[in-house]
Every structure is written in C-alpha cells, then in structure tokens.
Amino acid sequence: MAVTPNTERQLDRHDPYGAGCALDRPFPTDFTRQVLGVDPGDAVVRRWTDATGPQFYAEAWGAEGGRGEHAWSRTGSRLFVRTAPLKALLGAVDRNLVVFVKLQKYHQGKSNDRTGDTSPFTHRSLIVITSKNGDVWLPQRLSAKAKRALDALDADRRRDFYPRFRAIAGLPDEWLARRQEAAKIDAESLRIFIEGLTPDEAEL
C-alpha cells in the first residue's frame, strides 16, 4: 500500500463537503499491480481492476474545522482487496500477511495504574497472520524467543510497533542504525558542514 505523491488537483478549500485526504487514498504499490496485472478502473482512482473485474477498492474520509491554533482535522482511509488476488500475491512472493491492530483509549485525568507510568492511555493489540494458502492464525501469546528479543530492546522503544516487530522477526533496526551512524559525526566534520568550507579551507 502507498500514498499518492501528487495532490496538485486544487480541491476547493471552501467546499464544506470536500476533504483533502480524498486525494491521498491508499493504493497498491507498483510491484503489486505488476504481479496481479491490475490497472486503475476509474478517473478518481478508487478501484483497480483486472480482466475479471475490480480487485482493490480504496476509501477515504475526513473533516476539517477551526482556524489558526484552533484548527483541527480528522481523517482516515482504508484499502479493500478481494481474497483471490491477495492469496495470489502472497503465493507469488512466498510470504505471509501480518495484520496489526492497535486500539487506544484515553482516560481523562487518570493514569493506567502501572508503577512508574502516568500515561492516561490504555492499549489493546491484536495480530492476525494470513498464509499464502488463506489460512488465518491469531497468536495468543509471545514465545520465549520473542520475549527475549523484546527484553533486549531499550525500555523506551519496547512500546513502539516498528522496533518490536523488527526484534521479533530477527531483523536489524534500520531507524536505530541510522541514528547511531549520524551520532558518529565528529565536531570538526559538523563545523565544516555548517560553515560550508572547502577541503583546503578546512585544513587551515
């Protein structure tokens, strides 16, 4: 799934029934479209079809209000896909589909009653795994291996989905690696960069 990079269609900002998010509906990636042979099926690009009919359908909704510091925006989107093309895609790449659902509830004026944690939010998570054969599996608990991987994470990162997923999957944390690489820049290199010095000037 991806997001439309070009929103230069000049949606009327004064239209009370218009929402900019309608121009950023999710859509199948180029790789997915090539594997499944689907193409846009309408001018607005809400549907993607193949020879047998529509296979993907995208929806977007939203509302905006207020002005200045009181401005607010509520948006959302979703992408529907038929079972047959989804199974075909998973089979073509020999992968499983992992769906993560996180529900967050805000408790005004309350903490979550955990020691050392004053967050007013509580969370519930659900993971669903679909195989290329269409079998659905809902993990009920973490394995010992997954728990060890999570315990090895920094305490401040254990609640974020990205580092948790990468750790459980045994994959490197690319975000953390980039930050660590950036931290290696020494003060002299930073001075040269900020001042825009040439190599000859930097040696003076």
C-alpha atoms as a PDB file:
ATOM      1  CA  MET A   1       0.000   0.000   0.000  1.00  0.00           C
ATOM      2  CA  ALA A   2       1.272   3.505  -0.781  1.00  0.00           C
ATOM      3  CA  VAL A   3       0.123   7.123  -0.755  1.00  0.00           C
ATOM      4  CA  THR A   4      -0.455   9.318  -3.796  1.00  0.00           C
ATOM      5  CA  PRO A   5       2.564  11.655  -4.070  1.00  0.00           C
ATOM      6  CA  ASN A   6       0.804  14.320  -6.153  1.00  0.00           C
ATOM      7  CA  THR A   7      -2.074  16.284  -4.671  1.00  0.00           C
ATOM      8  CA  GLU A   8      -1.978  19.230  -7.085  1.00  0.00           C
ATOM      9  CA  ARG A   9      -5.630  18.894  -8.127  1.00  0.00           C
ATOM     10  CA  GLN A  10      -6.628  22.075  -6.296  1.00  0.00           C
ATOM     11  CA  LEU A  11      -9.500  20.724  -4.247  1.00  0.00           C
ATOM     12  CA  ASP A  12     -11.744  23.635  -3.331  1.00  0.00           C
ATOM     13  CA  ARG A  13     -10.733  24.567   0.217  1.00  0.00           C
ATOM     14  CA  HIS A  14     -14.021  26.430   0.690  1.00  0.00           C
ATOM     15  CA  ASP A  15     -16.163  23.397  -0.117  1.00  0.00           C
ATOM     16  CA  PRO A  16     -17.640  22.266   3.248  1.00  0.00           C
ATOM     17  CA  TYR A  17     -18.112  18.760   1.846  1.00  0.00           C
ATOM     18  CA  GLY A  18     -14.572  18.415   0.460  1.00  0.00           C
ATOM     19  CA  ALA A  19     -11.625  16.803   2.245  1.00  0.00           C
ATOM     20  CA  GLY A  20      -8.004  16.892   1.058  1.00  0.00           C
ATOM     21  CA  CYS A  21      -7.450  13.311   2.196  1.00  0.00           C
ATOM     22  CA  ALA A  22      -9.675  12.195  -0.707  1.00  0.00           C
ATOM     23  CA  LEU A  23      -6.684  12.885  -2.959  1.00  0.00           C
ATOM     24  CA  ASP A  24      -4.413  10.655  -0.892  1.00  0.00           C
ATOM     25  CA  ARG A  25      -6.295   7.387  -0.948  1.00  0.00           C
ATOM     26  CA  PRO A  26      -4.107   4.325  -0.384  1.00  0.00           C
ATOM     27  CA  PHE A  27      -3.373   2.225  -3.455  1.00  0.00           C
ATOM     28  CA  PRO A  28      -1.497  -0.965  -4.424  1.00  0.00           C
ATOM     29  CA  THR A  29       2.238  -0.478  -4.964  1.00  0.00           C
ATOM     30  CA  ASP A  30       3.767  -0.721  -8.434  1.00  0.00           C
ATOM     31  CA  PHE A  31       5.100  -4.187  -7.605  1.00  0.00           C
ATOM     32  CA  THR A  32       1.657  -5.404  -6.521  1.00  0.00           C
ATOM     33  CA  ARG A  33      -0.001  -4.006  -9.650  1.00  0.00           C
ATOM     34  CA  GLN A  34       2.598  -5.649 -11.887  1.00  0.00           C
ATOM     35  CA  VAL A  35       2.296  -9.060 -10.197  1.00  0.00           C
ATOM     36  CA  LEU A  36      -1.507  -9.067 -10.274  1.00  0.00           C
ATOM     37  CA  GLY A  37      -1.954  -7.184 -13.542  1.00  0.00           C
ATOM     38  CA  VAL A  38      -4.382  -4.597 -12.185  1.00  0.00           C
ATOM     39  CA  ASP A  39      -4.944  -1.084 -13.517  1.00  0.00           C
ATOM     40  CA  PRO A  40      -6.948   1.958 -12.326  1.00  0.00           C
ATOM     41  CA  GLY A  41     -10.615   1.369 -13.045  1.00  0.00           C
ATOM     42  CA  ASP A  42     -11.987   4.892 -12.746  1.00  0.00           C
ATOM     43  CA  ALA A  43     -10.910   8.511 -13.202  1.00  0.00           C
ATOM     44  CA  VAL A  44     -10.756   9.207  -9.456  1.00  0.00           C
ATOM     45  CA  VAL A  45      -8.663   6.066  -8.977  1.00  0.00           C
ATOM     46  CA  ARG A  46     -10.721   4.379  -6.301  1.00  0.00           C
ATOM     47  CA  ARG A  47     -10.725   0.960  -7.977  1.00  0.00           C
ATOM     48  CA  TRP A  48      -8.076  -1.255  -9.556  1.00  0.00           C
ATOM     49  CA  THR A  49      -9.287  -3.966 -11.876  1.00  0.00           C
ATOM     50  CA  ASP A  50      -8.034  -6.853 -13.980  1.00  0.00           C
ATOM     51  CA  ALA A  51      -9.694  -8.882 -16.726  1.00  0.00           C
ATOM     52  CA  THR A  52     -12.104 -10.466 -14.225  1.00  0.00           C
ATOM     53  CA  GLY A  53     -13.257  -7.240 -12.548  1.00  0.00           C
ATOM     54  CA  PRO A  54     -12.435  -4.966  -9.570  1.00  0.00           C
ATOM     55  CA  GLN A  55      -9.783  -6.358  -7.206  1.00  0.00           C
ATOM     56  CA  PHE A  56      -8.899  -3.354  -4.997  1.00  0.00           C
ATOM     57  CA  TYR A  57     -11.095  -0.549  -3.690  1.00  0.00           C
ATOM     58  CA  ALA A  58      -9.922   2.485  -1.690  1.00  0.00           C
ATOM     59  CA  GLU A  59     -11.943   4.742   0.590  1.00  0.00           C
ATOM     60  CA  ALA A  60     -11.010   7.993   2.315  1.00  0.00           C
ATOM     61  CA  TRP A  61     -12.926  10.282   4.636  1.00  0.00           C
ATOM     62  CA  GLY A  62     -12.218  13.376   6.650  1.00  0.00           C
ATOM     63  CA  ALA A  63     -13.318  16.696   8.053  1.00  0.00           C
ATOM     64  CA  GLU A  64     -11.566  19.931   8.952  1.00  0.00           C
ATOM     65  CA  GLY A  65     -12.567  22.885  11.071  1.00  0.00           C
ATOM     66  CA  GLY A  66     -11.382  25.807  13.143  1.00  0.00           C
ATOM     67  CA  ARG A  67      -8.735  28.379  12.339  1.00  0.00           C
ATOM     68  CA  GLY A  68      -5.206  29.114  13.453  1.00  0.00           C
ATOM     69  CA  GLU A  69      -4.208  27.357  16.654  1.00  0.00           C
ATOM     70  CA  HIS A  70      -7.759  26.044  16.976  1.00  0.00           C
ATOM     71  CA  ALA A  71      -7.674  24.257  13.607  1.00  0.00           C
ATOM     72  CA  TRP A  72      -8.457  20.546  13.700  1.00  0.00           C
ATOM     73  CA  SER A  73      -8.514  17.680  11.237  1.00  0.00           C
ATOM     74  CA  ARG A  74      -9.902  14.152  11.388  1.00  0.00           C
ATOM     75  CA  THR A  75      -9.073  11.837   8.520  1.00  0.00           C
ATOM     76  CA  GLY A  76      -8.943   8.155   7.701  1.00  0.00           C
ATOM     77  CA  SER A  77      -8.592   5.733   4.804  1.00  0.00           C
ATOM     78  CA  ARG A  78      -8.753   2.030   4.019  1.00  0.00           C
ATOM     79  CA  LEU A  79      -7.982  -0.313   1.166  1.00  0.00           C
ATOM     80  CA  PHE A  80     -10.151  -3.327   0.372  1.00  0.00           C
ATOM     81  CA  VAL A  81      -8.822  -6.315  -1.562  1.00  0.00           C
ATOM     82  CA  ARG A  82     -10.536  -9.487  -2.737  1.00  0.00           C
ATOM     83  CA  THR A  83      -9.341 -12.786  -1.289  1.00  0.00           C
ATOM     84  CA  ALA A  84      -8.245 -14.289  -4.614  1.00  0.00           C
ATOM     85  CA  PRO A  85      -5.716 -11.578  -5.609  1.00  0.00           C
ATOM     86  CA  LEU A  86      -4.403 -11.364  -2.049  1.00  0.00           C
ATOM     87  CA  LYS A  87      -3.665 -15.092  -1.993  1.00  0.00           C
ATOM     88  CA  ALA A  88      -2.140 -14.840  -5.467  1.00  0.00           C
ATOM     89  CA  LEU A  89       0.186 -12.057  -4.309  1.00  0.00           C
ATOM     90  CA  LEU A  90       1.258 -13.916  -1.160  1.00  0.00           C
ATOM     91  CA  GLY A  91       1.905 -17.021  -3.238  1.00  0.00           C
ATOM     92  CA  ALA A  92       3.945 -15.094  -5.807  1.00  0.00           C
ATOM     93  CA  VAL A  93       6.295 -13.656  -3.161  1.00  0.00           C
ATOM     94  CA  ASP A  94       6.109 -16.712  -0.845  1.00  0.00           C
ATOM     95  CA  ARG A  95       5.186 -14.600   2.178  1.00  0.00           C
ATOM     96  CA  ASN A  96       2.558 -14.333   4.904  1.00  0.00           C
ATOM     97  CA  LEU A  97       0.478 -11.239   5.579  1.00  0.00           C
ATOM     98  CA  VAL A  98       0.778  -9.841   9.106  1.00  0.00           C
ATOM     99  CA  VAL A  99      -2.023  -7.515  10.232  1.00  0.00           C
ATOM    100  CA  PHE A 100      -1.515  -5.473  13.394  1.00  0.00           C
ATOM    101  CA  VAL A 101      -4.467  -3.735  15.071  1.00  0.00           C
ATOM    102  CA  LYS A 102      -3.930  -1.345  17.967  1.00  0.00           C
ATOM    103  CA  LEU A 103      -6.774   0.220  19.947  1.00  0.00           C
ATOM    104  CA  GLN A 104      -6.039   3.198  22.173  1.00  0.00           C
ATOM    105  CA  LYS A 105      -8.386   4.649  24.778  1.00  0.00           C
ATOM    106  CA  TYR A 106      -7.891   7.937  26.575  1.00  0.00           C
ATOM    107  CA  HIS A 107      -8.905   8.183  30.235  1.00  0.00           C
ATOM    108  CA  GLN A 108      -9.225  11.827  31.178  1.00  0.00           C
ATOM    109  CA  GLY A 109      -7.445  12.644  34.421  1.00  0.00           C
ATOM    110  CA  LYS A 110      -6.348   9.073  35.039  1.00  0.00           C
ATOM    111  CA  SER A 111      -3.199   7.009  34.694  1.00  0.00           C
ATOM    112  CA  ASN A 112      -3.098   3.378  33.654  1.00  0.00           C
ATOM    113  CA  ASP A 113      -2.218   2.390  37.266  1.00  0.00           C
ATOM    114  CA  ARG A 114       1.113   0.843  36.293  1.00  0.00           C
ATOM    115  CA  THR A 115       4.066   1.530  38.543  1.00  0.00           C
ATOM    116  CA  GLY A 116       6.133   4.430  37.239  1.00  0.00           C
ATOM    117  CA  ASP A 117       3.751   5.081  34.351  1.00  0.00           C
ATOM    118  CA  THR A 118       1.410   8.076  34.444  1.00  0.00           C
ATOM    119  CA  SER A 119       0.094   7.749  30.900  1.00  0.00           C
ATOM    120  CA  PRO A 120      -3.682   8.316  30.655  1.00  0.00           C
ATOM    121  CA  PHE A 121      -3.894   5.879  27.730  1.00  0.00           C
ATOM    122  CA  THR A 122      -4.621   2.169  27.739  1.00  0.00           C
ATOM    123  CA  HIS A 123      -3.961  -0.054  24.740  1.00  0.00           C
ATOM    124  CA  ARG A 124      -5.146  -3.333  23.314  1.00  0.00           C
ATOM    125  CA  SER A 125      -3.414  -5.104  20.441  1.00  0.00           C
ATOM    126  CA  LEU A 126      -4.339  -7.862  18.016  1.00  0.00           C
ATOM    127  CA  ILE A 127      -2.139  -9.646  15.488  1.00  0.00           C
ATOM    128  CA  VAL A 128      -3.570 -11.687  12.614  1.00  0.00           C
ATOM    129  CA  ILE A 129      -1.395 -13.736  10.254  1.00  0.00           C
ATOM    130  CA  THR A 130      -2.704 -14.938   6.883  1.00  0.00           C
ATOM    131  CA  SER A 131      -0.743 -17.525   4.917  1.00  0.00           C
ATOM    132  CA  LYS A 132      -0.493 -17.760   1.141  1.00  0.00           C
ATOM    133  CA  ASN A 133      -2.991 -20.644   1.350  1.00  0.00           C
ATOM    134  CA  GLY A 134      -5.578 -18.433   3.024  1.00  0.00           C
ATOM    135  CA  ASP A 135      -5.161 -19.916   6.495  1.00  0.00           C
ATOM    136  CA  VAL A 136      -5.646 -17.412   9.319  1.00  0.00           C
ATOM    137  CA  TRP A 137      -3.767 -17.612  12.618  1.00  0.00           C
ATOM    138  CA  LEU A 138      -4.192 -15.436  15.719  1.00  0.00           C
ATOM    139  CA  PRO A 139      -1.182 -15.735  18.055  1.00  0.00           C
ATOM    140  CA  GLN A 140      -2.388 -15.956  21.650  1.00  0.00           C
ATOM    141  CA  ARG A 141       0.913 -15.336  23.445  1.00  0.00           C
ATOM    142  CA  LEU A 142       4.531 -14.478  22.813  1.00  0.00           C
ATOM    143  CA  SER A 143       7.060 -17.270  22.506  1.00  0.00           C
ATOM    144  CA  ALA A 144      10.083 -17.405  24.824  1.00  0.00           C
ATOM    145  CA  LYS A 145      12.289 -16.382  21.892  1.00  0.00           C
ATOM    146  CA  ALA A 146      10.119 -13.326  21.166  1.00  0.00           C
ATOM    147  CA  LYS A 147      10.146 -12.302  24.836  1.00  0.00           C
ATOM    148  CA  ARG A 148      13.947 -12.466  24.932  1.00  0.00           C
ATOM    149  CA  ALA A 149      14.143 -10.318  21.801  1.00  0.00           C
ATOM    150  CA  LEU A 150      11.847  -7.693  23.350  1.00  0.00           C
ATOM    151  CA  ASP A 151      13.712  -7.736  26.669  1.00  0.00           C
ATOM    152  CA  ALA A 152      16.883  -6.853  24.758  1.00  0.00           C
ATOM    153  CA  LEU A 153      15.292  -3.629  23.457  1.00  0.00           C
ATOM    154  CA  ASP A 154      15.781  -0.307  25.153  1.00  0.00           C
ATOM    155  CA  ALA A 155      12.933   0.322  27.618  1.00  0.00           C
ATOM    156  CA  ASP A 156      11.889   3.494  25.752  1.00  0.00           C
ATOM    157  CA  ARG A 157      11.429   1.563  22.492  1.00  0.00           C
ATOM    158  CA  ARG A 158       9.572  -1.522  23.668  1.00  0.00           C
ATOM    159  CA  ARG A 159       6.145   0.010  23.154  1.00  0.00           C
ATOM    160  CA  ASP A 160       6.700   1.089  19.555  1.00  0.00           C
ATOM    161  CA  PHE A 161       5.491  -1.330  16.905  1.00  0.00           C
ATOM    162  CA  TYR A 162       8.419  -0.901  14.495  1.00  0.00           C
ATOM    163  CA  PRO A 163      11.282  -1.898  16.842  1.00  0.00           C
ATOM    164  CA  ARG A 164       9.151  -4.645  18.416  1.00  0.00           C
ATOM    165  CA  PHE A 165       8.323  -6.155  15.026  1.00  0.00           C
ATOM    166  CA  ARG A 166      11.922  -5.979  13.791  1.00  0.00           C
ATOM    167  CA  ALA A 167      13.233  -7.529  17.024  1.00  0.00           C
ATOM    168  CA  ILE A 168      10.755 -10.420  16.980  1.00  0.00           C
ATOM    169  CA  ALA A 169      11.444 -11.048  13.283  1.00  0.00           C
ATOM    170  CA  GLY A 170      15.191 -11.054  13.936  1.00  0.00           C
ATOM    171  CA  LEU A 171      15.697  -8.089  11.594  1.00  0.00           C
ATOM    172  CA  PRO A 172      18.047  -5.148  12.202  1.00  0.00           C
ATOM    173  CA  ASP A 173      16.537  -1.911  13.419  1.00  0.00           C
ATOM    174  CA  GLU A 174      17.256   0.351  10.449  1.00  0.00           C
ATOM    175  CA  TRP A 175      15.986   3.508  12.148  1.00  0.00           C
ATOM    176  CA  LEU A 176      18.257   2.975  15.139  1.00  0.00           C
ATOM    177  CA  ALA A 177      21.218   2.204  12.861  1.00  0.00           C
ATOM    178  CA  ARG A 178      20.721   5.494  11.010  1.00  0.00           C
ATOM    179  CA  ARG A 179      20.613   7.468  14.247  1.00  0.00           C
ATOM    180  CA  GLN A 180      23.734   5.748  15.551  1.00  0.00           C
ATOM    181  CA  GLU A 181      25.521   6.441  12.281  1.00  0.00           C
ATOM    182  CA  ALA A 182      24.524  10.098  12.454  1.00  0.00           C
ATOM    183  CA  ALA A 183      25.835  10.293  16.033  1.00  0.00           C
ATOM    184  CA  LYS A 184      29.305   9.305  14.813  1.00  0.00           C
ATOM    185  CA  ILE A 185      29.791  12.659  13.088  1.00  0.00           C
ATOM    186  CA  ASP A 186      32.618  14.417  14.945  1.00  0.00           C
ATOM    187  CA  ALA A 187      32.593  18.071  15.891  1.00  0.00           C
ATOM    188  CA  GLU A 188      35.118  19.035  13.194  1.00  0.00           C
ATOM    189  CA  SER A 189      33.062  17.437  10.418  1.00  0.00           C
ATOM    190  CA  LEU A 190      29.988  19.214  11.732  1.00  0.00           C
ATOM    191  CA  ARG A 191      31.821  22.572  11.702  1.00  0.00           C
ATOM    192  CA  ILE A 192      32.912  22.044   8.103  1.00  0.00           C
ATOM    193  CA  PHE A 193      29.389  21.140   7.073  1.00  0.00           C
ATOM    194  CA  ILE A 194      27.748  24.119   8.806  1.00  0.00           C
ATOM    195  CA  GLU A 195      30.294  26.662   7.602  1.00  0.00           C
ATOM    196  CA  GLY A 196      30.399  25.225   4.094  1.00  0.00           C
ATOM    197  CA  LEU A 197      34.174  25.115   3.999  1.00  0.00           C
ATOM    198  CA  THR A 198      36.172  23.722   1.096  1.00  0.00           C
ATOM    199  CA  PRO A 199      38.744  20.944   1.823  1.00  0.00           C
ATOM    200  CA  ASP A 200      41.595  23.495   1.625  1.00  0.00           C
ATOM    201  CA  GLU A 201      39.874  25.922   3.993  1.00  0.00           C
ATOM    202  CA  ALA A 202      39.081  23.132   6.451  1.00  0.00           C
ATOM    203  CA  GLU A 203      42.792  22.310   6.843  1.00  0.00           C
ATOM    204  CA  LEU A 204      43.652  25.842   7.963  1.00  0.00           C
END
